[in-house]
Amino acid sequence: MDNLFTINSSGKNYSPLADRMRPDKLEDFFGQSHILSKGMPLERAIKADRLTSMIFWGPTGCGKTTLANIISKTCGGEFAKLNAISCGVSDVKDVIKKAKDAMNLYGRRTYLLLDECHRFNKAQLDSLLASIEDGSIVFIGSTTENPNVALTRAILSRCIVYEFKKLTKQDLNKALDRAINSEKGLKEQNVKLTNDAREYLLNACDGDVRAMLNTLELAVLTTPYDDNNNTNIDKNTIINCLQKKSLALDENLYYNLLSAFCKSLRGSDPDAGIYYCIRLLESGCDPMIIARRLIAHASEDVGLADSNALVIAVSAMHALQNIGMPEAKLSLCHATAYICLAPKSNAVYRAMELAQNDIMNNKDDEIPVYLKDHTYAPKEESSQYKYPHDFGGYVKQQYLPNSLKDRKYLVLSNNGKEKDYIITKDPKRERHDGGKNDN
C-alpha cells in the first residue's frame, strides 16, 4: 500500500521495482500454467469465489505472494499478511478477531497469507484450525519447504497443496519487458538493455523474478543517462550488480556443467567430479545446488553398496549451512570424491520406482490384518503376527498386501557392502550382478 514514504511530493512511487510490478489481476499473472491455465481447478475456484484454504509451495520469486494478493482482490475479501519468522500466536489471534468481526458485520471473508508458514510450530498452527474450520479465514500458507514434511497433518488435511514451479525463461522475459516499458516501472528511464545483458540476467536469476527485477533496478539506478537521455545497460553492468562471475551462466553451459558433474559422480571419476564442482562454484552456482545433488546421487547411484556415502553428503550440506563458503568448498569436494570412489548400485532407486508404480496403479492396498495396530482389536487378530525376535531375529511371513504379496522391488547386487545385506533365508531375495552368475 502506498504511504508517505513510498510516494514523494512529485507523485513518484519509490517502492521497489519488484513490488511496483506485481500484477493485480489474474489475467496479468504469468507462469504456473499447470494450476492456473483456463479451466484448471484453481483458476475456476478463484473466478467463482469458491476458494478453500490452501498452501502454496515453491521456490522464491515464483509468484506465491502475488497470487495471494490477486486472490484477495478478485474475491473481494479482507487481506491480512503475516510472516511466520517474526509473528507469534498473539498476532494470529489479532487477525482471527478482526476476521470474525469482518464476517459477522459485513459478511466478508479474510484471506490470511502466512509467509514462511513452515516456521510455525504445532501450537501456532493449531491456533488457526478453528477459524479455518468455520470459514472466517481462508488460509494461504506460503512455503519453500515441502509441506508434507514441514507442516502438521491437521493443517494439511484442511488445505489443498499447490506446487509452484520455477518461472521459465519465457516468463522472466515477459516480466522484464513489462518492467522496462511500464509507467509503473522504468519507462521514464528509457532503458536500453543489450541482448547479451538480457540473456545473462535471465539465466543468472534462475526463475526468480524478484531477484531479476531487483538486479535490473540497481543497474538502472547506478547508470547515468547518455546524451540522448537513454539508460544503457550492458552485460558488465548486470554482472557487477549481481556480484557473480559470468563463467558458467550461459544457459546451455550451466546445465551442461551440472549434467557433467552428475555423470562424473555416477561414472566414478573423482578428478572430473572435483573439476566440475569447483567450476560450478567459481561460476556463481549456488553451492546448495551442489550439496543437494551430492545427497541425491549418494542414494541414487551408491545406495546400499556404501551407505556411508549418504552420511558424508549430508555432512557436507551441514558444513555448508553452518560454516558457509569458502570453507565449505572443501567439504563439498570431500563428498564429491567419496561418492565418485564408492562402489555403485542403483538397487534402491529401481526399488523406489517399482514401488511407486504399484502404489499409483494398484488400488488394492489392504494391509494384512496381523500387521495393523491391534491396541483395541480382538486378541486373535494380533496373535497371527510372528514376532521376529521369537524366531532368532527373522521369520518368513507376508508383509505386502495380498495383491502384491509376490512383488520384489529391491534386487541386490554384488557391489560393495550391498552383497552383505542379502537375506539368505528368504528365497524371494536375489542378487543382480549385471549378467554374472549369482554366487
Protein backbone atom coordinates (compact mmCIF):
# COMPACT_ATOMS: atom_id res chain seq x y z
CA MET A 1 0.00 0.00 0.00
CA ASP A 2 1.30 3.47 -0.88
CA ASN A 3 2.13 5.79 2.02
CA LEU A 4 4.11 8.90 2.93
CA PHE A 5 7.38 7.06 2.45
CA THR A 6 6.69 5.33 -0.86
CA ILE A 7 5.30 8.35 -2.74
CA ASN A 8 7.10 11.70 -2.66
CA SER A 9 5.70 15.18 -3.30
CA SER A 10 6.05 14.78 -7.07
CA GLY A 11 3.82 11.70 -7.00
CA LYS A 12 6.58 9.25 -7.81
CA ASN A 13 6.41 5.81 -6.26
CA TYR A 14 9.67 4.83 -4.61
CA SER A 15 8.72 1.33 -3.53
CA PRO A 16 10.98 -1.36 -5.02
CA LEU A 17 10.52 -2.20 -8.68
CA ALA A 18 9.57 -5.80 -7.89
CA ASP A 19 6.75 -4.53 -5.66
CA ARG A 20 5.52 -1.95 -8.18
CA MET A 21 5.37 -4.54 -10.94
CA ARG A 22 3.26 -7.08 -9.07
CA PRO A 23 0.22 -7.98 -11.22
CA ASP A 24 -3.09 -7.16 -9.55
CA LYS A 25 -5.32 -9.17 -11.91
CA LEU A 26 -5.31 -12.87 -12.68
CA GLU A 27 -5.13 -12.07 -16.40
CA ASP A 28 -1.78 -10.31 -15.88
CA PHE A 29 -0.26 -13.11 -13.80
CA PHE A 30 2.31 -15.16 -15.69
CA GLY A 31 3.71 -18.58 -15.00
CA GLN A 32 2.22 -21.56 -13.13
CA SER A 33 0.08 -22.56 -16.11
CA HIS A 34 -0.16 -26.10 -14.70
CA ILE A 35 -2.51 -24.81 -11.98
CA LEU A 36 -3.81 -21.52 -13.41
CA SER A 37 -4.46 -22.10 -17.11
CA LYS A 38 -8.07 -21.71 -18.23
CA GLY A 39 -10.27 -24.48 -16.89
CA MET A 40 -7.87 -25.67 -14.21
CA PRO A 41 -9.46 -26.11 -10.74
CA LEU A 42 -7.64 -23.22 -9.05
CA GLU A 43 -8.42 -20.80 -11.87
CA ARG A 44 -12.11 -21.77 -11.77
CA ALA A 45 -12.24 -21.52 -7.97
CA ILE A 46 -10.75 -18.00 -7.99
CA LYS A 47 -13.18 -16.72 -10.60
CA ALA A 48 -16.15 -18.36 -8.89
CA ASP A 49 -15.07 -17.16 -5.43
CA ARG A 50 -15.22 -20.71 -4.11
CA LEU A 51 -11.79 -20.97 -2.58
CA THR A 52 -10.82 -23.16 0.34
CA SER A 53 -7.68 -22.91 2.43
CA MET A 54 -4.53 -23.76 0.54
CA ILE A 55 -0.76 -23.96 0.70
CA PHE A 56 1.49 -22.51 -2.00
CA TRP A 57 4.73 -24.46 -2.16
CA GLY A 58 7.57 -23.44 -4.43
CA PRO A 59 10.90 -21.62 -4.83
CA THR A 60 11.41 -17.93 -4.10
CA GLY A 61 10.29 -15.33 -6.61
CA CYS A 62 7.82 -17.54 -8.46
CA GLY A 63 4.61 -15.63 -7.63
CA LYS A 64 3.21 -17.15 -4.41
CA THR A 65 2.66 -13.84 -2.60
CA THR A 66 1.49 -12.11 -5.76
CA LEU A 67 -1.17 -14.74 -6.41
CA ALA A 68 -2.37 -14.47 -2.79
CA ASN A 69 -2.83 -10.70 -3.27
CA ILE A 70 -4.69 -11.26 -6.54
CA ILE A 71 -6.99 -13.77 -4.86
CA SER A 72 -7.93 -11.34 -2.09
CA LYS A 73 -8.74 -8.58 -4.61
CA THR A 74 -10.58 -10.85 -7.04
CA CYS A 75 -12.70 -12.43 -4.34
CA GLY A 76 -13.48 -9.14 -2.61
CA GLY A 77 -12.37 -10.17 0.85
CA GLU A 78 -10.18 -8.69 3.53
CA PHE A 79 -6.48 -9.42 3.24
CA ALA A 80 -4.03 -9.97 6.08
CA LYS A 81 -0.39 -10.90 5.79
CA LEU A 82 1.86 -12.35 8.46
CA ASN A 83 5.40 -13.67 8.37
CA ALA A 84 5.94 -16.77 10.49
CA ILE A 85 9.50 -15.70 11.27
CA SER A 86 8.50 -12.51 13.07
CA CYS A 87 5.00 -13.13 14.41
CA GLY A 88 3.52 -15.30 17.13
CA VAL A 89 0.22 -16.64 18.43
CA SER A 90 -0.86 -13.18 19.66
CA ASP A 91 -0.57 -11.80 16.10
CA VAL A 92 -2.59 -14.72 14.77
CA LYS A 93 -5.30 -14.17 17.40
CA ASP A 94 -5.50 -10.49 16.45
CA VAL A 95 -6.06 -11.41 12.80
CA ILE A 96 -8.65 -14.02 13.79
CA LYS A 97 -10.58 -11.47 15.88
CA LYS A 98 -10.66 -8.97 13.00
CA ALA A 99 -11.63 -11.75 10.60
CA LYS A 100 -14.59 -12.78 12.76
CA ASP A 101 -15.71 -9.14 13.01
CA ALA A 102 -15.49 -8.75 9.22
CA MET A 103 -17.52 -11.91 8.74
CA ASN A 104 -20.19 -11.02 11.32
CA LEU A 105 -20.55 -7.34 10.39
CA TYR A 106 -20.00 -7.31 6.64
CA GLY A 107 -20.13 -10.95 5.54
CA ARG A 108 -16.59 -10.68 4.16
CA ARG A 109 -14.08 -13.47 4.49
CA THR A 110 -10.47 -12.74 5.39
CA TYR A 111 -7.65 -14.16 3.31
CA LEU A 112 -4.66 -14.72 5.57
CA LEU A 113 -1.32 -15.12 3.82
CA LEU A 114 1.23 -16.65 6.17
CA ASP A 115 4.70 -16.38 4.60
CA GLU A 116 7.28 -18.97 5.61
CA CYS A 117 4.48 -20.96 7.24
CA HIS A 118 6.82 -23.91 7.82
CA ARG A 119 8.46 -21.82 10.59
CA PHE A 120 5.32 -22.07 12.77
CA ASN A 121 5.35 -24.79 15.42
CA LYS A 122 2.41 -27.10 16.14
CA ALA A 123 0.85 -24.83 18.77
CA GLN A 124 0.99 -21.82 16.46
CA LEU A 125 -0.52 -23.73 13.54
CA ASP A 126 -3.22 -25.23 15.77
CA SER A 127 -4.33 -21.71 16.74
CA LEU A 128 -5.61 -21.33 13.16
CA LEU A 129 -7.60 -24.53 12.94
CA ALA A 130 -10.92 -23.33 14.39
CA SER A 131 -11.07 -20.28 12.12
CA ILE A 132 -10.20 -22.35 9.07
CA GLU A 133 -12.96 -24.79 10.04
CA ASP A 134 -15.69 -22.14 10.46
CA GLY A 135 -14.69 -20.36 7.24
CA SER A 136 -13.96 -16.94 8.73
CA ILE A 137 -10.40 -17.30 7.44
CA VAL A 138 -9.20 -18.63 4.11
CA PHE A 139 -5.70 -19.69 4.99
CA ILE A 140 -2.99 -19.31 2.35
CA GLY A 141 0.31 -20.71 3.55
CA SER A 142 3.41 -19.84 1.56
CA THR A 143 6.50 -22.01 1.91
CA THR A 144 9.68 -23.02 0.14
CA GLU A 145 9.83 -26.26 2.16
CA ASN A 146 7.97 -29.48 1.42
CA PRO A 147 4.69 -29.05 3.36
CA ASN A 148 4.26 -32.81 3.74
CA VAL A 149 7.36 -32.75 5.93
CA ALA A 150 7.33 -29.25 7.41
CA LEU A 151 3.66 -28.82 8.40
CA THR A 152 1.31 -30.66 10.73
CA ARG A 153 -1.17 -33.22 9.46
CA ALA A 154 -4.03 -31.20 10.98
CA ILE A 155 -3.24 -28.24 8.73
CA LEU A 156 -2.54 -30.39 5.67
CA SER A 157 -5.88 -32.17 6.00
CA ARG A 158 -7.68 -28.82 5.80
CA CYS A 159 -5.70 -27.37 2.89
CA ILE A 160 -5.08 -28.08 -0.77
CA VAL A 161 -1.38 -28.01 -1.64
CA TYR A 162 -0.47 -26.26 -4.90
CA GLU A 163 3.10 -26.74 -6.07
CA PHE A 164 4.58 -23.71 -7.81
CA LYS A 165 7.28 -24.25 -10.42
CA LYS A 166 10.33 -22.13 -11.07
CA LEU A 167 9.46 -19.49 -13.67
CA THR A 168 10.63 -20.26 -17.18
CA LYS A 169 12.95 -18.08 -19.19
CA GLN A 170 9.97 -17.01 -21.30
CA ASP A 171 8.06 -15.94 -18.18
CA LEU A 172 11.03 -13.89 -16.97
CA ASN A 173 11.40 -12.28 -20.37
CA LYS A 174 7.77 -11.10 -20.25
CA ALA A 175 8.29 -9.67 -16.77
CA LEU A 176 11.46 -7.91 -17.93
CA ASP A 177 9.75 -6.27 -20.92
CA ARG A 178 6.82 -5.25 -18.75
CA ALA A 179 9.11 -3.60 -16.20
CA ILE A 180 11.09 -1.72 -18.84
CA ASN A 181 8.04 -0.44 -20.72
CA SER A 182 5.54 0.18 -17.93
CA GLU A 183 4.70 3.59 -16.49
CA LYS A 184 4.86 1.99 -13.05
CA GLY A 185 8.24 0.56 -13.93
CA LEU A 186 11.21 2.06 -15.76
CA LYS A 187 9.63 3.68 -18.80
CA GLU A 188 10.84 7.16 -17.79
CA GLN A 189 14.42 5.89 -17.64
CA ASN A 190 14.38 4.83 -21.33
CA VAL A 191 16.24 1.62 -20.52
CA LYS A 192 18.21 0.10 -23.37
CA LEU A 193 19.27 -3.43 -22.43
CA THR A 194 21.78 -5.13 -24.70
CA ASN A 195 20.97 -8.64 -25.91
CA ASP A 196 23.85 -10.26 -24.04
CA ALA A 197 22.92 -8.36 -20.86
CA ARG A 198 19.34 -9.60 -21.17
CA GLU A 199 20.47 -13.17 -21.79
CA TYR A 200 22.85 -13.11 -18.85
CA LEU A 201 20.21 -11.65 -16.50
CA LEU A 202 17.56 -14.19 -17.50
CA ASN A 203 19.94 -17.10 -16.95
CA ALA A 204 21.54 -15.80 -13.77
CA CYS A 205 18.28 -15.26 -11.89
CA ASP A 206 17.25 -18.87 -12.45
CA GLY A 207 13.48 -18.44 -12.37
CA ASP A 208 13.39 -15.82 -9.57
CA VAL A 209 11.54 -12.77 -10.92
CA ARG A 210 12.12 -10.76 -7.75
CA ALA A 211 15.89 -11.23 -7.95
CA MET A 212 15.80 -10.28 -11.64
CA LEU A 213 13.86 -7.05 -11.11
CA ASN A 214 15.96 -6.07 -8.09
CA THR A 215 19.12 -6.52 -10.15
CA LEU A 216 17.69 -4.56 -13.06
CA GLU A 217 16.60 -1.72 -10.78
CA LEU A 218 20.04 -1.47 -9.19
CA ALA A 219 21.66 -1.41 -12.63
CA VAL A 220 19.36 1.39 -13.79
CA LEU A 221 19.75 3.49 -10.63
CA THR A 222 23.54 3.33 -10.82
CA THR A 223 23.84 4.07 -14.55
CA PRO A 224 23.80 7.72 -15.76
CA TYR A 225 21.81 8.86 -18.78
CA ASP A 226 23.65 9.17 -22.08
CA ASP A 227 23.42 12.24 -24.34
CA ASN A 228 20.06 11.02 -25.68
CA ASN A 229 18.56 10.54 -22.22
CA ASN A 230 18.77 6.74 -22.51
CA THR A 231 19.93 4.40 -19.77
CA ASN A 232 22.21 1.88 -21.46
CA ILE A 233 22.67 -1.36 -19.56
CA ASP A 234 25.33 -3.79 -20.79
CA LYS A 235 26.39 -7.22 -19.60
CA ASN A 236 29.21 -5.91 -17.38
CA THR A 237 26.78 -3.67 -15.51
CA ILE A 238 24.50 -6.64 -14.82
CA ILE A 239 27.45 -8.77 -13.71
CA ASN A 240 28.61 -6.08 -11.28
CA CYS A 241 25.11 -5.67 -9.85
CA LEU A 242 24.72 -9.41 -9.39
CA GLN A 243 28.22 -9.76 -7.94
CA LYS A 244 28.57 -13.10 -9.71
CA LYS A 245 31.06 -14.28 -12.27
CA SER A 246 29.83 -14.91 -15.77
CA LEU A 247 31.82 -18.07 -16.48
CA ALA A 248 29.01 -20.61 -16.26
CA LEU A 249 25.89 -18.51 -16.54
CA ASP A 250 25.30 -19.09 -20.21
CA GLU A 251 22.16 -21.26 -20.01
CA ASN A 252 23.44 -24.15 -22.12
CA LEU A 253 26.84 -24.22 -20.43
CA TYR A 254 25.32 -24.01 -16.95
CA TYR A 255 23.11 -27.06 -17.45
CA ASN A 256 25.84 -28.89 -19.33
CA LEU A 257 28.19 -28.39 -16.38
CA LEU A 258 25.58 -29.68 -13.95
CA SER A 259 24.99 -32.69 -16.18
CA ALA A 260 28.72 -33.36 -16.46
CA PHE A 261 29.08 -33.12 -12.68
CA CYS A 262 26.27 -35.62 -12.08
CA LYS A 263 27.57 -38.06 -14.69
CA SER A 264 31.09 -37.84 -13.23
CA LEU A 265 29.70 -38.84 -9.81
CA ARG A 266 27.87 -41.78 -11.36
CA GLY A 267 30.85 -42.68 -13.54
CA SER A 268 33.32 -42.88 -10.60
CA ASP A 269 35.73 -40.22 -11.87
CA PRO A 270 36.86 -38.13 -8.85
CA ASP A 271 39.09 -35.84 -10.93
CA ALA A 272 36.25 -34.86 -13.23
CA GLY A 273 33.80 -34.63 -10.31
CA ILE A 274 36.01 -32.20 -8.38
CA TYR A 275 36.76 -30.20 -11.54
CA TYR A 276 33.08 -29.65 -12.36
CA CYS A 277 32.26 -29.00 -8.70
CA ILE A 278 34.83 -26.19 -8.50
CA ARG A 279 33.98 -24.81 -11.92
CA LEU A 280 30.31 -24.53 -10.97
CA LEU A 281 31.13 -22.89 -7.64
CA GLU A 282 33.56 -20.40 -9.16
CA SER A 283 30.99 -19.56 -11.82
CA GLY A 284 28.47 -18.36 -9.26
CA CYS A 285 26.39 -21.53 -8.93
CA ASP A 286 24.52 -21.72 -5.63
CA PRO A 287 26.61 -24.19 -3.55
CA MET A 288 23.39 -25.61 -2.10
CA ILE A 289 22.63 -26.99 -5.57
CA ILE A 290 25.89 -28.95 -5.43
CA ALA A 291 25.08 -30.20 -1.92
CA ARG A 292 21.60 -31.35 -2.96
CA ARG A 293 22.97 -33.21 -5.98
CA LEU A 294 25.54 -34.97 -3.81
CA ILE A 295 22.81 -36.19 -1.46
CA ALA A 296 20.65 -37.35 -4.36
CA HIS A 297 23.47 -39.30 -6.02
CA ALA A 298 24.60 -40.82 -2.72
CA SER A 299 21.27 -42.68 -2.64
CA GLU A 300 20.57 -42.99 -6.36
CA ASP A 301 23.95 -44.25 -7.59
CA VAL A 302 25.76 -45.56 -4.50
CA GLY A 303 22.90 -46.68 -2.29
CA LEU A 304 23.41 -49.80 -0.20
CA ALA A 305 26.77 -50.50 -1.84
CA ASP A 306 28.15 -47.92 0.62
CA SER A 307 25.53 -46.25 2.81
CA ASN A 308 28.22 -44.07 4.36
CA ALA A 309 28.17 -42.00 1.14
CA LEU A 310 24.82 -40.54 2.23
CA VAL A 311 26.26 -39.64 5.65
CA ILE A 312 29.22 -37.87 4.01
CA ALA A 313 26.94 -35.97 1.60
CA VAL A 314 24.56 -34.82 4.35
CA SER A 315 27.55 -33.79 6.47
CA ALA A 316 28.81 -31.66 3.58
CA MET A 317 25.44 -29.89 3.43
CA HIS A 318 25.54 -29.28 7.20
CA ALA A 319 29.05 -27.85 6.84
CA LEU A 320 27.80 -25.53 4.11
CA GLN A 321 24.86 -24.38 6.26
CA ASN A 322 26.92 -23.88 9.42
CA ILE A 323 30.29 -22.54 8.30
CA GLY A 324 29.41 -21.23 4.85
CA MET A 325 31.66 -20.52 1.91
CA PRO A 326 34.51 -20.59 1.07
CA GLU A 327 35.38 -23.04 3.88
CA ALA A 328 32.58 -25.45 2.94
CA LYS A 329 34.04 -25.77 -0.56
CA LEU A 330 36.46 -28.33 0.88
CA SER A 331 33.60 -30.35 2.39
CA LEU A 332 31.76 -30.39 -0.93
CA CYS A 333 34.90 -31.63 -2.70
CA HIS A 334 35.37 -34.26 0.04
CA ALA A 335 31.85 -35.58 -0.54
CA THR A 336 32.34 -35.44 -4.31
CA ALA A 337 35.50 -37.54 -4.12
CA TYR A 338 33.89 -40.06 -1.74
CA ILE A 339 30.82 -40.60 -3.93
CA CYS A 340 32.98 -40.96 -7.03
CA LEU A 341 35.21 -43.56 -5.38
CA ALA A 342 32.39 -45.51 -3.69
CA PRO A 343 31.08 -48.76 -5.24
CA LYS A 344 27.90 -48.17 -7.21
CA SER A 345 24.41 -49.65 -7.06
CA ASN A 346 21.05 -48.28 -8.14
CA ALA A 347 19.06 -51.05 -6.44
CA VAL A 348 17.34 -48.60 -4.06
CA TYR A 349 16.45 -46.24 -6.92
CA ARG A 350 14.97 -49.08 -9.00
CA ALA A 351 13.06 -50.41 -5.99
CA MET A 352 11.61 -46.96 -5.33
CA GLU A 353 10.39 -46.62 -8.92
CA LEU A 354 8.79 -50.07 -8.94
CA ALA A 355 7.05 -49.48 -5.61
CA GLN A 356 5.83 -46.05 -6.70
CA ASN A 357 4.42 -47.51 -9.90
CA ASP A 358 2.49 -50.16 -7.97
CA ILE A 359 1.18 -47.60 -5.48
CA MET A 360 -0.15 -45.39 -8.26
CA ASN A 361 -1.67 -48.22 -10.32
CA ASN A 362 -2.78 -50.84 -7.76
CA LYS A 363 -5.88 -49.90 -5.80
CA ASP A 364 -6.00 -52.97 -3.55
CA ASP A 365 -3.65 -51.89 -0.79
CA GLU A 366 -5.29 -53.68 2.13
CA ILE A 367 -2.72 -54.28 4.86
CA PRO A 368 -2.59 -57.85 6.24
CA VAL A 369 -4.73 -57.95 9.37
CA TYR A 370 -1.91 -59.10 11.67
CA LEU A 371 0.22 -56.06 10.71
CA LYS A 372 -2.38 -53.50 11.73
CA ASP A 373 -2.47 -51.65 15.04
CA HIS A 374 -4.22 -54.03 17.44
CA THR A 375 -4.27 -51.89 20.55
CA TYR A 376 -8.07 -52.18 20.69
CA ALA A 377 -8.56 -55.12 18.32
CA PRO A 378 -9.53 -58.68 19.22
CA LYS A 379 -6.60 -60.70 20.57
CA GLU A 380 -6.94 -63.41 17.95
CA GLU A 381 -6.08 -60.96 15.18
CA SER A 382 -2.84 -59.75 16.79
CA SER A 383 -1.86 -63.33 17.69
CA GLN A 384 -1.38 -64.10 13.99
CA TYR A 385 1.63 -61.81 13.92
CA LYS A 386 5.02 -63.58 14.19
CA TYR A 387 7.43 -61.57 16.31
CA PRO A 388 10.81 -62.00 14.52
CA HIS A 389 12.84 -61.97 17.73
CA ASP A 390 10.97 -65.04 18.92
CA PHE A 391 12.49 -66.83 15.93
CA GLY A 392 16.06 -65.68 16.30
CA GLY A 393 15.60 -62.29 14.58
CA TYR A 394 13.97 -63.39 11.31
CA VAL A 395 10.87 -65.32 10.35
CA LYS A 396 9.22 -65.54 6.98
CA GLN A 397 5.77 -64.01 6.82
CA GLN A 398 3.79 -61.86 4.39
CA TYR A 399 4.12 -58.12 4.83
CA LEU A 400 2.89 -56.79 1.48
CA PRO A 401 -0.84 -56.60 0.62
CA ASN A 402 -2.33 -59.75 -0.92
CA SER A 403 -2.40 -58.24 -4.40
CA LEU A 404 1.35 -57.62 -4.23
CA LYS A 405 2.49 -60.45 -1.98
CA ASP A 406 4.97 -61.85 -4.52
CA ARG A 407 6.28 -58.48 -5.68
CA LYS A 408 10.03 -57.92 -5.46
CA TYR A 409 11.32 -54.35 -5.50
CA LEU A 410 14.81 -54.45 -4.05
CA VAL A 411 17.15 -56.56 -6.20
CA LEU A 412 20.56 -56.51 -4.59
CA SER A 413 23.87 -56.52 -6.42
CA ASN A 414 27.27 -57.94 -5.53
CA ASN A 415 28.77 -54.44 -5.43
CA GLY A 416 30.43 -53.13 -2.27
CA LYS A 417 28.62 -53.74 1.00
CA GLU A 418 25.33 -54.43 -0.71
CA LYS A 419 26.16 -58.14 -1.03
CA ASP A 420 26.24 -58.32 2.79
CA TYR A 421 22.57 -57.38 3.07
CA ILE A 422 21.19 -60.44 1.32
CA ILE A 423 18.75 -62.41 3.46
CA THR A 424 19.70 -65.99 2.67
CA LYS A 425 16.66 -67.45 4.40
CA ASP A 426 14.33 -65.64 2.06
CA PRO A 427 14.34 -67.30 -1.40
CA LYS A 428 12.49 -64.30 -2.79
CA ARG A 429 15.54 -62.12 -2.25
CA GLU A 430 18.02 -62.45 -5.10
CA ARG A 431 21.08 -60.64 -6.28
CA HIS A 432 21.54 -58.95 -9.59
CA ASP A 433 25.12 -58.75 -10.78
CA GLY A 434 24.74 -57.30 -14.21
CA GLY A 435 24.74 -60.61 -16.09
CA LYS A 436 27.27 -62.57 -13.99
CA ASN A 437 26.37 -65.80 -12.29
CA ASP A 438 24.84 -65.49 -8.84
CA ASN A 439 27.11 -66.54 -6.01
